[in-house]
Amino acid sequence: MADQIRINGNIVSWGSITLRVDDEIFTGFTSLSYSDKRERTKQYGMGKHHAPRARTRGKYTVEPVKLKGPKSTMHALRTKLASLSPDGNSYGDYEFHINTQYIEDFEPEMYVDIERCVYVGTSSSEEENPDPLQEEIEIDAMAIRRNGMTQFDGSGGAP
């Protein structure tokens, strides 16, 4: 199915996003970034062409996920994660799931599941200006699924 020709209406934008952490909606984030890739290596052999003969299945990796937002939203996220951890105090030990939905009228429903996440770190920089104070957190994830589809080959079992 090709993309649609649009005459009127809205395309997906920041206001179209709903973000959940373990089924609880968070609305204070001001930035979300994520990426994954499948690194493949080419195999060469002899011949005047010196062109590749084959490629490997590759290695699937998820780059660090980053969330940015006001200190109060980050505090709420850390408090939630800590309350679910075995000791009730460590927000870095609990494994969680991030679900984002991108919904707009006349657009196909799109969602991204970021799976098996753990909190890695926080960066913060305060300076005098009229902007609200914000933090950025880094999250380590094991897999990203876009509308249930994966970039990796899941035929032998998925992570």
N, C-alpha and C. Protein backbone atom coordinates (compact mmCIF):
# COMPACT_ATOMS: atom_id res chain seq x y z
N MET A 1 0.85 -1.17 0.00
CA MET A 1 0.00 0.00 0.00
C MET A 1 0.89 1.24 0.00
N ALA A 2 0.70 2.12 -0.92
CA ALA A 2 1.47 3.36 -1.01
C ALA A 2 0.92 4.39 -0.03
N ASP A 3 1.70 5.44 0.20
CA ASP A 3 1.19 6.50 1.08
C ASP A 3 0.07 7.25 0.37
N GLN A 4 -0.76 7.88 1.19
CA GLN A 4 -1.96 8.53 0.68
C GLN A 4 -1.68 9.96 0.23
N ILE A 5 -2.42 10.39 -0.79
CA ILE A 5 -2.38 11.79 -1.20
C ILE A 5 -3.27 12.55 -0.22
N ARG A 6 -2.78 13.66 0.29
CA ARG A 6 -3.51 14.40 1.31
C ARG A 6 -3.95 15.75 0.75
N ILE A 7 -5.24 16.00 0.83
CA ILE A 7 -5.78 17.29 0.41
C ILE A 7 -6.00 18.16 1.64
N ASN A 8 -6.72 17.65 2.61
CA ASN A 8 -6.98 18.34 3.87
C ASN A 8 -6.67 17.38 5.01
N GLY A 9 -6.52 17.91 6.18
CA GLY A 9 -6.29 17.05 7.34
C GLY A 9 -4.87 17.20 7.86
N ASN A 10 -4.66 16.56 8.98
CA ASN A 10 -3.37 16.66 9.67
C ASN A 10 -2.56 15.40 9.46
N ILE A 11 -1.26 15.59 9.35
CA ILE A 11 -0.37 14.44 9.36
C ILE A 11 0.11 14.25 10.80
N VAL A 12 0.70 13.11 11.08
CA VAL A 12 1.17 12.82 12.42
C VAL A 12 2.21 13.85 12.84
N SER A 13 2.03 14.41 14.04
CA SER A 13 2.96 15.40 14.58
C SER A 13 3.09 15.17 16.08
N TRP A 14 3.79 16.06 16.78
CA TRP A 14 4.07 15.85 18.20
C TRP A 14 2.79 15.64 19.01
N GLY A 15 1.75 16.38 18.70
CA GLY A 15 0.49 16.25 19.42
C GLY A 15 -0.25 14.94 19.17
N SER A 16 0.21 14.15 18.20
CA SER A 16 -0.42 12.88 17.87
C SER A 16 0.11 11.73 18.71
N ILE A 17 1.17 11.98 19.50
CA ILE A 17 1.86 10.90 20.21
C ILE A 17 1.26 10.66 21.59
N THR A 18 1.03 9.39 21.90
CA THR A 18 0.71 8.96 23.26
C THR A 18 1.83 8.02 23.67
N LEU A 19 2.45 8.30 24.82
CA LEU A 19 3.56 7.48 25.30
C LEU A 19 3.19 6.84 26.63
N ARG A 20 3.37 5.53 26.69
CA ARG A 20 3.09 4.78 27.91
C ARG A 20 4.36 4.09 28.39
N VAL A 21 4.55 4.08 29.68
CA VAL A 21 5.59 3.27 30.31
C VAL A 21 4.84 2.24 31.14
N ASP A 22 4.98 0.98 30.76
CA ASP A 22 4.22 -0.10 31.42
C ASP A 22 2.74 0.26 31.59
N ASP A 23 2.10 0.69 30.53
CA ASP A 23 0.67 0.99 30.46
C ASP A 23 0.23 2.24 31.20
N GLU A 24 1.16 3.03 31.75
CA GLU A 24 0.80 4.31 32.36
C GLU A 24 1.21 5.44 31.41
N ILE A 25 0.27 6.32 31.09
CA ILE A 25 0.53 7.41 30.15
C ILE A 25 1.35 8.51 30.83
N PHE A 26 2.39 8.95 30.13
CA PHE A 26 3.20 10.10 30.55
C PHE A 26 3.03 11.18 29.47
N THR A 27 2.76 12.42 29.90
CA THR A 27 2.51 13.49 28.93
C THR A 27 3.53 14.62 28.99
N GLY A 28 4.50 14.56 29.89
CA GLY A 28 5.41 15.68 30.05
C GLY A 28 6.66 15.64 29.20
N PHE A 29 6.94 14.53 28.53
CA PHE A 29 8.17 14.45 27.75
C PHE A 29 8.16 15.46 26.61
N THR A 30 9.31 16.04 26.33
CA THR A 30 9.43 17.02 25.25
C THR A 30 10.27 16.50 24.09
N SER A 31 10.87 15.33 24.27
CA SER A 31 11.69 14.75 23.21
C SER A 31 11.78 13.24 23.43
N LEU A 32 11.76 12.51 22.33
CA LEU A 32 11.92 11.05 22.34
C LEU A 32 12.76 10.70 21.13
N SER A 33 13.82 9.92 21.34
CA SER A 33 14.59 9.45 20.19
C SER A 33 14.96 7.98 20.40
N TYR A 34 14.93 7.24 19.30
CA TYR A 34 15.25 5.82 19.32
C TYR A 34 15.68 5.41 17.93
N SER A 35 16.49 4.35 17.85
CA SER A 35 16.86 3.79 16.55
C SER A 35 17.38 2.38 16.74
N ASP A 36 17.25 1.60 15.69
CA ASP A 36 17.81 0.25 15.68
C ASP A 36 18.41 -0.01 14.31
N LYS A 37 19.27 -0.98 14.26
CA LYS A 37 19.88 -1.32 12.97
C LYS A 37 20.30 -2.78 12.97
N ARG A 38 20.52 -3.26 11.77
CA ARG A 38 20.99 -4.63 11.57
C ARG A 38 22.28 -4.54 10.75
N GLU A 39 23.38 -4.71 11.43
CA GLU A 39 24.69 -4.59 10.80
C GLU A 39 25.02 -5.89 10.08
N ARG A 40 25.27 -5.80 8.79
CA ARG A 40 25.59 -6.97 7.98
C ARG A 40 26.99 -6.81 7.41
N THR A 41 27.68 -7.92 7.28
CA THR A 41 29.03 -7.92 6.72
C THR A 41 29.01 -8.64 5.39
N LYS A 42 29.70 -8.06 4.42
CA LYS A 42 29.79 -8.69 3.10
C LYS A 42 30.97 -9.66 3.09
N GLN A 43 30.82 -10.72 2.31
CA GLN A 43 31.89 -11.72 2.15
C GLN A 43 32.37 -11.65 0.71
N TYR A 44 33.67 -11.51 0.57
CA TYR A 44 34.28 -11.38 -0.76
C TYR A 44 35.05 -12.65 -1.11
N GLY A 45 35.30 -12.84 -2.35
CA GLY A 45 36.10 -13.95 -2.83
C GLY A 45 37.00 -13.50 -3.96
N MET A 46 37.53 -14.47 -4.66
CA MET A 46 38.44 -14.15 -5.76
C MET A 46 37.65 -13.82 -7.02
N GLY A 47 38.30 -13.16 -7.94
CA GLY A 47 37.70 -12.82 -9.23
C GLY A 47 38.03 -11.39 -9.59
N LYS A 48 38.06 -11.13 -10.90
CA LYS A 48 38.38 -9.79 -11.36
C LYS A 48 37.36 -8.76 -10.91
N HIS A 49 36.13 -9.19 -10.74
CA HIS A 49 35.07 -8.26 -10.34
C HIS A 49 35.27 -7.74 -8.92
N HIS A 50 35.86 -8.51 -8.07
CA HIS A 50 36.08 -8.18 -6.66
C HIS A 50 34.81 -7.60 -6.02
N ALA A 51 33.67 -8.11 -6.43
CA ALA A 51 32.38 -7.70 -5.87
C ALA A 51 31.99 -8.69 -4.78
N PRO A 52 31.14 -8.30 -3.87
CA PRO A 52 30.75 -9.22 -2.80
C PRO A 52 30.01 -10.43 -3.34
N ARG A 53 30.23 -11.58 -2.68
CA ARG A 53 29.58 -12.83 -3.06
C ARG A 53 28.38 -13.13 -2.18
N ALA A 54 28.41 -12.63 -0.96
CA ALA A 54 27.34 -12.94 -0.01
C ALA A 54 27.38 -11.92 1.12
N ARG A 55 26.41 -12.03 1.99
CA ARG A 55 26.39 -11.19 3.20
C ARG A 55 25.87 -12.04 4.36
N THR A 56 26.25 -11.65 5.57
CA THR A 56 25.80 -12.36 6.76
C THR A 56 24.38 -11.97 7.10
N ARG A 57 23.75 -12.74 7.99
CA ARG A 57 22.42 -12.39 8.47
C ARG A 57 22.44 -11.10 9.27
N GLY A 58 23.58 -10.80 9.84
CA GLY A 58 23.74 -9.53 10.54
C GLY A 58 23.54 -9.64 12.04
N LYS A 59 23.86 -8.55 12.68
CA LYS A 59 23.73 -8.42 14.13
C LYS A 59 22.77 -7.26 14.40
N TYR A 60 21.71 -7.54 15.11
CA TYR A 60 20.69 -6.53 15.42
C TYR A 60 21.11 -5.77 16.68
N THR A 61 21.08 -4.46 16.61
CA THR A 61 21.39 -3.64 17.78
C THR A 61 20.39 -2.51 17.92
N VAL A 62 20.14 -2.13 19.17
CA VAL A 62 19.27 -1.00 19.48
C VAL A 62 20.15 0.08 20.09
N GLU A 63 20.12 1.26 19.49
CA GLU A 63 20.87 2.39 20.02
C GLU A 63 20.19 2.88 21.31
N PRO A 64 20.91 3.61 22.16
CA PRO A 64 20.27 4.11 23.38
C PRO A 64 19.03 4.95 23.07
N VAL A 65 17.99 4.71 23.83
CA VAL A 65 16.74 5.47 23.73
C VAL A 65 16.91 6.68 24.63
N LYS A 66 16.46 7.84 24.17
CA LYS A 66 16.58 9.06 24.97
C LYS A 66 15.22 9.72 25.13
N LEU A 67 14.92 10.09 26.37
CA LEU A 67 13.71 10.83 26.70
C LEU A 67 14.13 12.12 27.39
N LYS A 68 13.51 13.22 26.99
CA LYS A 68 13.81 14.51 27.60
C LYS A 68 12.51 15.12 28.09
N GLY A 69 12.59 15.83 29.20
CA GLY A 69 11.40 16.47 29.72
C GLY A 69 11.69 17.23 31.00
N PRO A 70 10.66 17.87 31.55
CA PRO A 70 10.84 18.64 32.78
C PRO A 70 11.23 17.73 33.95
N LYS A 71 11.90 18.31 34.90
CA LYS A 71 12.38 17.54 36.06
C LYS A 71 11.24 16.80 36.75
N SER A 72 10.05 17.38 36.80
CA SER A 72 8.93 16.73 37.48
C SER A 72 8.50 15.45 36.77
N THR A 73 8.52 15.44 35.44
CA THR A 73 8.17 14.23 34.69
C THR A 73 9.23 13.15 34.91
N MET A 74 10.50 13.54 34.89
CA MET A 74 11.58 12.57 35.11
C MET A 74 11.51 12.01 36.52
N HIS A 75 11.18 12.87 37.48
CA HIS A 75 11.02 12.41 38.87
C HIS A 75 9.87 11.40 38.96
N ALA A 76 8.77 11.68 38.28
CA ALA A 76 7.62 10.76 38.30
C ALA A 76 8.00 9.41 37.68
N LEU A 77 8.77 9.43 36.59
CA LEU A 77 9.20 8.18 35.96
C LEU A 77 10.11 7.39 36.89
N ARG A 78 11.10 8.06 37.48
CA ARG A 78 12.01 7.36 38.41
C ARG A 78 11.26 6.79 39.61
N THR A 79 10.31 7.54 40.13
CA THR A 79 9.51 7.08 41.27
C THR A 79 8.71 5.84 40.90
N LYS A 80 8.12 5.85 39.71
CA LYS A 80 7.35 4.68 39.25
C LYS A 80 8.25 3.46 39.13
N LEU A 81 9.40 3.62 38.47
CA LEU A 81 10.31 2.49 38.27
C LEU A 81 10.85 1.97 39.59
N ALA A 82 11.21 2.87 40.50
CA ALA A 82 11.73 2.45 41.81
C ALA A 82 10.68 1.67 42.59
N SER A 83 9.43 2.12 42.52
CA SER A 83 8.36 1.44 43.28
C SER A 83 8.12 0.02 42.78
N LEU A 84 8.48 -0.25 41.53
CA LEU A 84 8.27 -1.58 40.95
C LEU A 84 9.50 -2.47 41.06
N SER A 85 10.60 -1.93 41.54
CA SER A 85 11.83 -2.71 41.65
C SER A 85 11.75 -3.63 42.87
N PRO A 86 12.58 -4.69 42.90
CA PRO A 86 12.54 -5.63 44.02
C PRO A 86 12.76 -4.97 45.39
N ASP A 87 13.64 -3.97 45.47
CA ASP A 87 13.88 -3.33 46.77
C ASP A 87 13.02 -2.09 46.98
N GLY A 88 12.21 -1.71 45.98
CA GLY A 88 11.33 -0.55 46.10
C GLY A 88 12.06 0.78 46.05
N ASN A 89 13.35 0.74 45.72
CA ASN A 89 14.14 1.97 45.77
C ASN A 89 15.00 2.20 44.53
N SER A 90 15.35 1.14 43.81
CA SER A 90 16.28 1.26 42.70
C SER A 90 15.56 1.38 41.36
N TYR A 91 15.57 2.57 40.78
CA TYR A 91 14.93 2.75 39.48
C TYR A 91 15.77 2.21 38.33
N GLY A 92 17.02 1.80 38.61
CA GLY A 92 17.88 1.26 37.57
C GLY A 92 17.79 -0.25 37.41
N ASP A 93 17.06 -0.93 38.29
CA ASP A 93 16.99 -2.39 38.24
C ASP A 93 15.72 -2.94 37.58
N TYR A 94 14.69 -2.14 37.49
CA TYR A 94 13.41 -2.63 36.97
C TYR A 94 13.40 -2.61 35.45
N GLU A 95 12.99 -3.72 34.83
CA GLU A 95 12.87 -3.80 33.37
C GLU A 95 11.44 -3.41 32.97
N PHE A 96 11.31 -2.47 32.04
CA PHE A 96 10.00 -1.95 31.67
C PHE A 96 9.86 -1.89 30.15
N HIS A 97 8.70 -1.45 29.72
CA HIS A 97 8.31 -1.44 28.31
C HIS A 97 7.79 -0.03 27.97
N ILE A 98 8.20 0.49 26.83
CA ILE A 98 7.70 1.79 26.35
C ILE A 98 6.85 1.54 25.11
N ASN A 99 5.64 2.08 25.10
CA ASN A 99 4.75 1.97 23.96
C ASN A 99 4.38 3.37 23.50
N THR A 100 4.63 3.66 22.23
CA THR A 100 4.22 4.95 21.67
C THR A 100 3.20 4.69 20.58
N GLN A 101 2.15 5.49 20.57
CA GLN A 101 1.14 5.43 19.52
C GLN A 101 1.11 6.77 18.81
N TYR A 102 0.98 6.71 17.50
CA TYR A 102 0.92 7.90 16.66
C TYR A 102 -0.45 7.86 15.98
N ILE A 103 -1.37 8.67 16.48
CA ILE A 103 -2.75 8.59 16.02
C ILE A 103 -3.22 9.95 15.53
N GLU A 104 -3.74 9.96 14.31
CA GLU A 104 -4.30 11.17 13.72
C GLU A 104 -5.41 10.71 12.77
N ASP A 105 -6.49 11.50 12.70
CA ASP A 105 -7.59 11.16 11.79
C ASP A 105 -7.06 10.99 10.38
N PHE A 106 -7.58 10.01 9.69
CA PHE A 106 -7.27 9.71 8.29
C PHE A 106 -5.82 9.27 8.07
N GLU A 107 -5.12 8.93 9.13
CA GLU A 107 -3.77 8.37 9.04
C GLU A 107 -3.86 6.93 9.54
N PRO A 108 -3.03 6.04 9.02
CA PRO A 108 -3.04 4.69 9.59
C PRO A 108 -2.52 4.73 11.02
N GLU A 109 -3.09 3.89 11.89
CA GLU A 109 -2.59 3.84 13.26
C GLU A 109 -1.18 3.27 13.25
N MET A 110 -0.28 3.96 13.91
CA MET A 110 1.11 3.51 13.98
C MET A 110 1.50 3.42 15.45
N TYR A 111 2.23 2.38 15.79
CA TYR A 111 2.72 2.27 17.16
C TYR A 111 4.11 1.66 17.15
N VAL A 112 4.88 2.03 18.14
CA VAL A 112 6.24 1.53 18.31
C VAL A 112 6.36 1.00 19.72
N ASP A 113 6.76 -0.26 19.83
CA ASP A 113 7.02 -0.88 21.12
C ASP A 113 8.52 -0.96 21.32
N ILE A 114 8.99 -0.37 22.40
CA ILE A 114 10.40 -0.43 22.77
C ILE A 114 10.47 -1.37 23.96
N GLU A 115 11.09 -2.52 23.76
CA GLU A 115 10.96 -3.63 24.70
C GLU A 115 12.17 -3.84 25.58
N ARG A 116 11.88 -4.37 26.77
CA ARG A 116 12.90 -4.78 27.74
C ARG A 116 13.88 -3.65 28.05
N CYS A 117 13.33 -2.55 28.51
CA CYS A 117 14.11 -1.34 28.78
C CYS A 117 14.64 -1.34 30.21
N VAL A 118 15.81 -0.76 30.39
CA VAL A 118 16.34 -0.46 31.72
C VAL A 118 16.91 0.95 31.69
N TYR A 119 16.78 1.61 32.80
CA TYR A 119 17.26 2.98 32.98
C TYR A 119 18.78 2.95 33.06
N VAL A 120 19.46 3.77 32.25
CA VAL A 120 20.92 3.78 32.21
C VAL A 120 21.50 5.02 32.88
N GLY A 121 20.98 6.21 32.56
CA GLY A 121 21.59 7.41 33.11
C GLY A 121 20.74 8.65 32.93
N THR A 122 21.16 9.70 33.62
CA THR A 122 20.48 10.99 33.59
C THR A 122 21.49 12.07 33.29
N SER A 123 21.14 13.00 32.42
CA SER A 123 21.97 14.18 32.24
C SER A 123 21.09 15.41 32.46
N SER A 124 21.70 16.39 33.11
CA SER A 124 20.97 17.60 33.44
C SER A 124 21.95 18.77 33.40
N SER A 125 21.49 19.88 32.91
CA SER A 125 22.31 21.08 32.88
C SER A 125 21.39 22.27 33.13
N GLU A 126 21.64 22.96 34.23
CA GLU A 126 20.81 24.10 34.58
C GLU A 126 21.56 25.39 34.26
N GLU A 127 20.84 26.35 33.75
CA GLU A 127 21.42 27.66 33.51
C GLU A 127 20.32 28.70 33.61
N GLU A 128 20.72 29.92 33.82
CA GLU A 128 19.76 31.00 33.98
C GLU A 128 19.15 31.33 32.62
N ASN A 129 17.86 31.13 32.51
CA ASN A 129 17.09 31.51 31.34
C ASN A 129 15.61 31.30 31.65
N PRO A 130 14.71 31.74 30.79
CA PRO A 130 13.28 31.61 31.09
C PRO A 130 12.72 30.20 30.84
N ASP A 131 13.53 29.30 30.29
CA ASP A 131 13.04 27.95 29.99
C ASP A 131 12.90 27.11 31.25
N PRO A 132 11.98 26.16 31.24
CA PRO A 132 11.87 25.26 32.39
C PRO A 132 13.10 24.35 32.47
N LEU A 133 13.45 23.94 33.68
CA LEU A 133 14.57 23.04 33.86
C LEU A 133 14.18 21.65 33.37
N GLN A 134 15.09 21.03 32.61
CA GLN A 134 14.81 19.72 32.02
C GLN A 134 15.94 18.74 32.29
N GLU A 135 15.64 17.48 32.13
CA GLU A 135 16.63 16.41 32.20
C GLU A 135 16.46 15.53 30.99
N GLU A 136 17.52 14.84 30.65
CA GLU A 136 17.45 13.83 29.59
C GLU A 136 17.91 12.52 30.19
N ILE A 137 17.14 11.47 29.94
CA ILE A 137 17.53 10.16 30.45
C ILE A 137 17.87 9.25 29.28
N GLU A 138 18.76 8.32 29.55
CA GLU A 138 19.16 7.33 28.57
C GLU A 138 18.65 5.97 29.03
N ILE A 139 18.13 5.23 28.08
CA ILE A 139 17.52 3.93 28.36
C ILE A 139 18.14 2.90 27.42
N ASP A 140 18.43 1.73 27.96
CA ASP A 140 18.91 0.61 27.14
C ASP A 140 17.73 -0.30 26.85
N ALA A 141 17.51 -0.61 25.57
CA ALA A 141 16.41 -1.48 25.16
C ALA A 141 16.95 -2.67 24.39
N MET A 142 16.18 -3.75 24.37
CA MET A 142 16.60 -4.97 23.69
C MET A 142 16.02 -5.10 22.29
N ALA A 143 14.85 -4.52 22.03
CA ALA A 143 14.23 -4.66 20.71
C ALA A 143 13.24 -3.53 20.48
N ILE A 144 13.02 -3.21 19.21
CA ILE A 144 12.01 -2.23 18.80
C ILE A 144 11.11 -2.90 17.77
N ARG A 145 9.81 -2.80 18.00
CA ARG A 145 8.82 -3.33 17.06
C ARG A 145 7.96 -2.18 16.57
N ARG A 146 7.82 -2.09 15.27
CA ARG A 146 6.99 -1.06 14.66
C ARG A 146 5.76 -1.74 14.08
N ASN A 147 4.61 -1.43 14.65
CA ASN A 147 3.34 -2.08 14.29
C ASN A 147 3.49 -3.60 14.31
N GLY A 148 4.21 -4.11 15.30
CA GLY A 148 4.40 -5.54 15.47
C GLY A 148 5.48 -6.14 14.58
N MET A 149 6.05 -5.35 13.69
CA MET A 149 7.07 -5.85 12.77
C MET A 149 8.46 -5.57 13.33
N THR A 150 9.38 -6.46 12.99
CA THR A 150 10.75 -6.32 13.47
C THR A 150 11.73 -6.23 12.32
N GLN A 151 12.86 -5.62 12.59
CA GLN A 151 13.92 -5.56 11.59
C GLN A 151 14.75 -6.84 11.62
N PHE A 152 14.81 -7.51 12.76
CA PHE A 152 15.56 -8.75 12.87
C PHE A 152 14.73 -9.94 12.42
N ASP A 153 15.40 -11.02 12.10
CA ASP A 153 14.72 -12.25 11.70
C ASP A 153 14.23 -12.98 12.93
N GLY A 154 12.94 -13.04 13.12
CA GLY A 154 12.36 -13.67 14.30
C GLY A 154 11.94 -15.12 14.07
N SER A 155 12.30 -15.69 12.93
CA SER A 155 11.83 -17.04 12.62
C SER A 155 12.40 -18.11 13.56
N GLY A 156 13.57 -17.85 14.15
CA GLY A 156 14.17 -18.81 15.07
C GLY A 156 13.88 -18.48 16.52
N GLY A 157 12.92 -17.63 16.75
CA GLY A 157 12.61 -17.18 18.11
C GLY A 157 13.00 -15.72 18.24
N ALA A 158 12.20 -14.96 18.91
CA ALA A 158 12.45 -13.53 19.07
C ALA A 158 12.91 -13.24 20.49
N PRO A 159 13.70 -12.19 20.66
CA PRO A 159 14.14 -11.83 22.00
C PRO A 159 13.00 -11.33 22.86
